[in-house]
Amino acid sequence: MPWSDWQFWMVTLLAAAGAAVVLRPLLPSRRDAPKCPGCPSDQPGPRSATLTIEGTSPQGRKAP
């Protein structure tokens, strides 16, 4: 391997950039995916459950 040759590193960098350009459209985008399926768009994401096994919320209040 020509580790000290500058042309080796230039071609390696160009090959990595080319692979990124080719593979980027094939990978899923985070911003295109909904935060949670079935949620309205104004909600930030899924909510955690308020009930525990005992039937109370984590703050100790009785659940409705």
PDB file of N, CA and C in Angstrom:
ATOM      1  N   MET A   1       0.846  -1.186   0.000  1.00  0.00           N
ATOM      2  CA  MET A   1       0.000   0.000   0.000  1.00  0.00           C
ATOM      3  C   MET A   1       0.884   1.241   0.000  1.00  0.00           C
ATOM      4  N   PRO A   2       0.555   2.171  -0.834  1.00  0.00           N
ATOM      5  CA  PRO A   2       1.337   3.414  -0.879  1.00  0.00           C
ATOM      6  C   PRO A   2       0.819   4.443   0.131  1.00  0.00           C
ATOM      7  N   TRP A   3       1.045   4.206   1.415  1.00  0.00           N
ATOM      8  CA  TRP A   3       0.513   5.071   2.463  1.00  0.00           C
ATOM      9  C   TRP A   3       1.070   6.486   2.410  1.00  0.00           C
ATOM     10  N   SER A   4       2.270   6.658   1.918  1.00  0.00           N
ATOM     11  CA  SER A   4       2.895   7.981   1.901  1.00  0.00           C
ATOM     12  C   SER A   4       2.703   8.708   0.566  1.00  0.00           C
ATOM     13  N   ASP A   5       1.980   8.121  -0.356  1.00  0.00           N
ATOM     14  CA  ASP A   5       1.773   8.730  -1.671  1.00  0.00           C
ATOM     15  C   ASP A   5       0.540   9.639  -1.631  1.00  0.00           C
ATOM     16  N   TRP A   6       0.676  10.890  -2.025  1.00  0.00           N
ATOM     17  CA  TRP A   6      -0.441  11.835  -1.941  1.00  0.00           C
ATOM     18  C   TRP A   6      -1.539  11.483  -2.935  1.00  0.00           C
ATOM     19  N   GLN A   7      -1.181  10.860  -4.081  1.00  0.00           N
ATOM     20  CA  GLN A   7      -2.208  10.487  -5.048  1.00  0.00           C
ATOM     21  C   GLN A   7      -3.130   9.400  -4.495  1.00  0.00           C
ATOM     22  N   PHE A   8      -2.593   8.501  -3.692  1.00  0.00           N
ATOM     23  CA  PHE A   8      -3.405   7.466  -3.055  1.00  0.00           C
ATOM     24  C   PHE A   8      -4.482   8.102  -2.191  1.00  0.00           C
ATOM     25  N   TRP A   9      -4.103   9.083  -1.379  1.00  0.00           N
ATOM     26  CA  TRP A   9      -5.067   9.725  -0.495  1.00  0.00           C
ATOM     27  C   TRP A   9      -6.068  10.575  -1.270  1.00  0.00           C
ATOM     28  N   MET A  10      -5.636  11.199  -2.369  1.00  0.00           N
ATOM     29  CA  MET A  10      -6.555  11.994  -3.181  1.00  0.00           C
ATOM     30  C   MET A  10      -7.613  11.099  -3.834  1.00  0.00           C
ATOM     31  N   VAL A  11      -7.204   9.981  -4.388  1.00  0.00           N
ATOM     32  CA  VAL A  11      -8.148   9.060  -5.012  1.00  0.00           C
ATOM     33  C   VAL A  11      -9.062   8.433  -3.958  1.00  0.00           C
ATOM     34  N   THR A  12      -8.532   8.130  -2.787  1.00  0.00           N
ATOM     35  CA  THR A  12      -9.352   7.586  -1.704  1.00  0.00           C
ATOM     36  C   THR A  12     -10.415   8.592  -1.276  1.00  0.00           C
ATOM     37  N   LEU A  13     -10.035   9.858  -1.153  1.00  0.00           N
ATOM     38  CA  LEU A  13     -10.986  10.903  -0.784  1.00  0.00           C
ATOM     39  C   LEU A  13     -12.057  11.078  -1.858  1.00  0.00           C
ATOM     40  N   LEU A  14     -11.663  11.074  -3.117  1.00  0.00           N
ATOM     41  CA  LEU A  14     -12.636  11.197  -4.208  1.00  0.00           C
ATOM     42  C   LEU A  14     -13.573   9.978  -4.263  1.00  0.00           C
ATOM     43  N   ALA A  15     -13.058   8.797  -4.008  1.00  0.00           N
ATOM     44  CA  ALA A  15     -13.899   7.598  -4.011  1.00  0.00           C
ATOM     45  C   ALA A  15     -14.910   7.642  -2.858  1.00  0.00           C
ATOM     46  N   ALA A  16     -14.485   8.104  -1.688  1.00  0.00           N
ATOM     47  CA  ALA A  16     -15.402   8.206  -0.555  1.00  0.00           C
ATOM     48  C   ALA A  16     -16.486   9.250  -0.823  1.00  0.00           C
ATOM     49  N   ALA A  17     -16.113  10.380  -1.404  1.00  0.00           N
ATOM     50  CA  ALA A  17     -17.095  11.419  -1.741  1.00  0.00           C
ATOM     51  C   ALA A  17     -18.066  10.905  -2.798  1.00  0.00           C
ATOM     52  N   GLY A  18     -17.564  10.189  -3.785  1.00  0.00           N
ATOM     53  CA  GLY A  18     -18.437   9.625  -4.819  1.00  0.00           C
ATOM     54  C   GLY A  18     -19.399   8.596  -4.256  1.00  0.00           C
ATOM     55  N   ALA A  19     -18.920   7.764  -3.333  1.00  0.00           N
ATOM     56  CA  ALA A  19     -19.798   6.783  -2.703  1.00  0.00           C
ATOM     57  C   ALA A  19     -20.885   7.474  -1.879  1.00  0.00           C
ATOM     58  N   ALA A  20     -20.530   8.565  -1.206  1.00  0.00           N
ATOM     59  CA  ALA A  20     -21.520   9.300  -0.424  1.00  0.00           C
ATOM     60  C   ALA A  20     -22.577   9.921  -1.332  1.00  0.00           C
ATOM     61  N   VAL A  21     -22.167  10.452  -2.468  1.00  0.00           N
ATOM     62  CA  VAL A  21     -23.118  11.065  -3.402  1.00  0.00           C
ATOM     63  C   VAL A  21     -24.062  10.010  -3.975  1.00  0.00           C
ATOM     64  N   VAL A  22     -23.546   8.834  -4.273  1.00  0.00           N
ATOM     65  CA  VAL A  22     -24.373   7.781  -4.866  1.00  0.00           C
ATOM     66  C   VAL A  22     -25.304   7.157  -3.832  1.00  0.00           C
ATOM     67  N   LEU A  23     -24.825   6.941  -2.610  1.00  0.00           N
ATOM     68  CA  LEU A  23     -25.618   6.235  -1.596  1.00  0.00           C
ATOM     69  C   LEU A  23     -26.572   7.144  -0.833  1.00  0.00           C
ATOM     70  N   ARG A  24     -26.360   8.451  -0.805  1.00  0.00           N
ATOM     71  CA  ARG A  24     -27.200   9.356  -0.013  1.00  0.00           C
ATOM     72  C   ARG A  24     -28.677   9.299  -0.410  1.00  0.00           C
ATOM     73  N   PRO A  25     -29.046   9.306  -1.678  1.00  0.00           N
ATOM     74  CA  PRO A  25     -30.475   9.225  -2.009  1.00  0.00           C
ATOM     75  C   PRO A  25     -31.118   7.897  -1.625  1.00  0.00           C
ATOM     76  N   LEU A  26     -30.336   6.863  -1.435  1.00  0.00           N
ATOM     77  CA  LEU A  26     -30.880   5.555  -1.103  1.00  0.00           C
ATOM     78  C   LEU A  26     -31.161   5.394   0.387  1.00  0.00           C
ATOM     79  N   LEU A  27     -30.569   6.231   1.237  1.00  0.00           N
ATOM     80  CA  LEU A  27     -30.751   6.132   2.674  1.00  0.00           C
ATOM     81  C   LEU A  27     -31.967   6.934   3.111  1.00  0.00           C
ATOM     82  N   PRO A  28     -32.722   6.456   4.115  1.00  0.00           N
ATOM     83  CA  PRO A  28     -33.894   7.201   4.580  1.00  0.00           C
ATOM     84  C   PRO A  28     -33.481   8.479   5.303  1.00  0.00           C
ATOM     85  N   SER A  29     -34.325   9.474   5.188  1.00  0.00           N
ATOM     86  CA  SER A  29     -34.066  10.758   5.821  1.00  0.00           C
ATOM     87  C   SER A  29     -34.864  10.864   7.111  1.00  0.00           C
ATOM     88  N   ARG A  30     -34.294  11.448   8.149  1.00  0.00           N
ATOM     89  CA  ARG A  30     -34.998  11.595   9.423  1.00  0.00           C
ATOM     90  C   ARG A  30     -36.111  12.623   9.336  1.00  0.00           C
ATOM     91  N   ARG A  31     -35.897  13.695   8.620  1.00  0.00           N
ATOM     92  CA  ARG A  31     -36.907  14.753   8.583  1.00  0.00           C
ATOM     93  C   ARG A  31     -38.133  14.363   7.768  1.00  0.00           C
ATOM     94  N   ASP A  32     -38.008  13.383   6.871  1.00  0.00           N
ATOM     95  CA  ASP A  32     -39.148  12.940   6.086  1.00  0.00           C
ATOM     96  C   ASP A  32     -40.064  12.011   6.863  1.00  0.00           C
ATOM     97  N   ALA A  33     -39.528  11.327   7.848  1.00  0.00           N
ATOM     98  CA  ALA A  33     -40.310  10.357   8.604  1.00  0.00           C
ATOM     99  C   ALA A  33     -41.177  11.075   9.636  1.00  0.00           C
ATOM    100  N   PRO A  34     -42.428  10.641   9.810  1.00  0.00           N
ATOM    101  CA  PRO A  34     -43.262  11.248  10.849  1.00  0.00           C
ATOM    102  C   PRO A  34     -42.725  10.889  12.230  1.00  0.00           C
ATOM    103  N   LYS A  35     -42.963  11.774  13.200  1.00  0.00           N
ATOM    104  CA  LYS A  35     -42.459  11.535  14.547  1.00  0.00           C
ATOM    105  C   LYS A  35     -43.156  10.346  15.192  1.00  0.00           C
ATOM    106  N   CYS A  36     -44.442  10.232  14.995  1.00  0.00           N
ATOM    107  CA  CYS A  36     -45.154   9.052  15.463  1.00  0.00           C
ATOM    108  C   CYS A  36     -46.326   8.808  14.514  1.00  0.00           C
ATOM    109  N   PRO A  37     -46.574   7.569  14.132  1.00  0.00           N
ATOM    110  CA  PRO A  37     -47.661   7.286  13.207  1.00  0.00           C
ATOM    111  C   PRO A  37     -49.016   7.610  13.830  1.00  0.00           C
ATOM    112  N   GLY A  38     -49.851   8.327  13.108  1.00  0.00           N
ATOM    113  CA  GLY A  38     -51.186   8.638  13.575  1.00  0.00           C
ATOM    114  C   GLY A  38     -51.278   9.873  14.451  1.00  0.00           C
ATOM    115  N   CYS A  39     -50.149  10.497  14.790  1.00  0.00           N
ATOM    116  CA  CYS A  39     -50.181  11.707  15.619  1.00  0.00           C
ATOM    117  C   CYS A  39     -50.425  12.933  14.740  1.00  0.00           C
ATOM    118  N   PRO A  40     -51.170  13.902  15.247  1.00  0.00           N
ATOM    119  CA  PRO A  40     -51.292  15.155  14.508  1.00  0.00           C
ATOM    120  C   PRO A  40     -49.928  15.823  14.399  1.00  0.00           C
ATOM    121  N   SER A  41     -49.760  16.655  13.390  1.00  0.00           N
ATOM    122  CA  SER A  41     -48.452  17.248  13.129  1.00  0.00           C
ATOM    123  C   SER A  41     -48.046  18.268  14.188  1.00  0.00           C
ATOM    124  N   ASP A  42     -48.988  18.782  15.002  1.00  0.00           N
ATOM    125  CA  ASP A  42     -48.616  19.776  16.005  1.00  0.00           C
ATOM    126  C   ASP A  42     -48.040  19.150  17.275  1.00  0.00           C
ATOM    127  N   GLN A  43     -48.156  17.833  17.437  1.00  0.00           N
ATOM    128  CA  GLN A  43     -47.584  17.181  18.603  1.00  0.00           C
ATOM    129  C   GLN A  43     -46.121  16.850  18.336  1.00  0.00           C
ATOM    130  N   PRO A  44     -45.249  17.032  19.328  1.00  0.00           N
ATOM    131  CA  PRO A  44     -43.824  16.803  19.106  1.00  0.00           C
ATOM    132  C   PRO A  44     -43.449  15.341  18.917  1.00  0.00           C
ATOM    133  N   GLY A  45     -44.193  14.420  19.457  1.00  0.00           N
ATOM    134  CA  GLY A  45     -43.848  13.007  19.313  1.00  0.00           C
ATOM    135  C   GLY A  45     -44.674  12.169  20.256  1.00  0.00           C
ATOM    136  N   PRO A  46     -44.329  10.908  20.408  1.00  0.00           N
ATOM    137  CA  PRO A  46     -45.112  10.035  21.277  1.00  0.00           C
ATOM    138  C   PRO A  46     -44.987  10.462  22.735  1.00  0.00           C
ATOM    139  N   ARG A  47     -46.071  10.275  23.485  1.00  0.00           N
ATOM    140  CA  ARG A  47     -46.064  10.596  24.903  1.00  0.00           C
ATOM    141  C   ARG A  47     -45.825   9.323  25.697  1.00  0.00           C
ATOM    142  N   SER A  48     -45.251   9.492  26.884  1.00  0.00           N
ATOM    143  CA  SER A  48     -45.042   8.320  27.730  1.00  0.00           C
ATOM    144  C   SER A  48     -46.336   8.013  28.479  1.00  0.00           C
ATOM    145  N   ALA A  49     -46.473   6.799  28.895  1.00  0.00           N
ATOM    146  CA  ALA A  49     -47.669   6.376  29.619  1.00  0.00           C
ATOM    147  C   ALA A  49     -47.682   6.998  31.006  1.00  0.00           C
ATOM    148  N   THR A  50     -48.878   7.327  31.479  1.00  0.00           N
ATOM    149  CA  THR A  50     -48.990   7.930  32.801  1.00  0.00           C
ATOM    150  C   THR A  50     -49.304   6.916  33.888  1.00  0.00           C
ATOM    151  N   LEU A  51     -49.699   5.722  33.532  1.00  0.00           N
ATOM    152  CA  LEU A  51     -50.068   4.725  34.525  1.00  0.00           C
ATOM    153  C   LEU A  51     -48.908   3.794  34.837  1.00  0.00           C
ATOM    154  N   THR A  52     -48.833   3.391  36.073  1.00  0.00           N
ATOM    155  CA  THR A  52     -47.876   2.369  36.479  1.00  0.00           C
ATOM    156  C   THR A  52     -48.657   1.094  36.785  1.00  0.00           C
ATOM    157  N   ILE A  53     -48.008   0.087  37.250  1.00  0.00           N
ATOM    158  CA  ILE A  53     -48.679  -1.179  37.543  1.00  0.00           C
ATOM    159  C   ILE A  53     -49.687  -1.004  38.677  1.00  0.00           C
ATOM    160  N   GLU A  54     -49.393  -0.143  39.630  1.00  0.00           N
ATOM    161  CA  GLU A  54     -50.288   0.067  40.765  1.00  0.00           C
ATOM    162  C   GLU A  54     -51.488   0.927  40.409  1.00  0.00           C
ATOM    163  N   GLY A  55     -51.521   1.541  39.233  1.00  0.00           N
ATOM    164  CA  GLY A  55     -52.637   2.380  38.842  1.00  0.00           C
ATOM    165  C   GLY A  55     -52.472   3.833  39.242  1.00  0.00           C
ATOM    166  N   THR A  56     -51.277   4.231  39.636  1.00  0.00           N
ATOM    167  CA  THR A  56     -51.020   5.630  39.967  1.00  0.00           C
ATOM    168  C   THR A  56     -49.996   6.196  38.992  1.00  0.00           C
ATOM    169  N   SER A  57     -49.991   7.507  38.871  1.00  0.00           N
ATOM    170  CA  SER A  57     -49.012   8.141  37.993  1.00  0.00           C
ATOM    171  C   SER A  57     -47.662   8.173  38.716  1.00  0.00           C
ATOM    172  N   PRO A  58     -46.583   8.434  38.023  1.00  0.00           N
ATOM    173  CA  PRO A  58     -45.270   8.468  38.671  1.00  0.00           C
ATOM    174  C   PRO A  58     -45.166   9.540  39.750  1.00  0.00           C
ATOM    175  N   GLN A  59     -45.997  10.582  39.710  1.00  0.00           N
ATOM    176  CA  GLN A  59     -45.957  11.624  40.731  1.00  0.00           C
ATOM    177  C   GLN A  59     -46.744  11.227  41.971  1.00  0.00           C
ATOM    178  N   GLY A  60     -47.430  10.104  41.968  1.00  0.00           N
ATOM    179  CA  GLY A  60     -48.156   9.639  43.125  1.00  0.00           C
ATOM    180  C   GLY A  60     -49.632   9.987  43.107  1.00  0.00           C
ATOM    181  N   ARG A  61     -50.088  10.706  42.089  1.00  0.00           N
ATOM    182  CA  ARG A  61     -51.516  11.034  42.004  1.00  0.00           C
ATOM    183  C   ARG A  61     -52.285   9.848  41.462  1.00  0.00           C
ATOM    184  N   LYS A  62     -53.527   9.767  41.812  1.00  0.00           N
ATOM    185  CA  LYS A  62     -54.381   8.688  41.316  1.00  0.00           C
ATOM    186  C   LYS A  62     -54.712   8.950  39.861  1.00  0.00           C
ATOM    187  N   ALA A  63     -54.604   7.958  39.017  1.00  0.00           N
ATOM    188  CA  ALA A  63     -54.901   8.099  37.587  1.00  0.00           C
ATOM    189  C   ALA A  63     -56.418   8.139  37.372  1.00  0.00           C
ATOM    190  N   PRO A  64     -56.883   8.864  36.349  1.00  0.00           N
ATOM    191  CA  PRO A  64     -58.326   8.912  36.078  1.00  0.00           C
ATOM    192  C   PRO A  64     -58.867   7.599  35.572  1.00  0.00           C
TER     193      PRO A  64
END
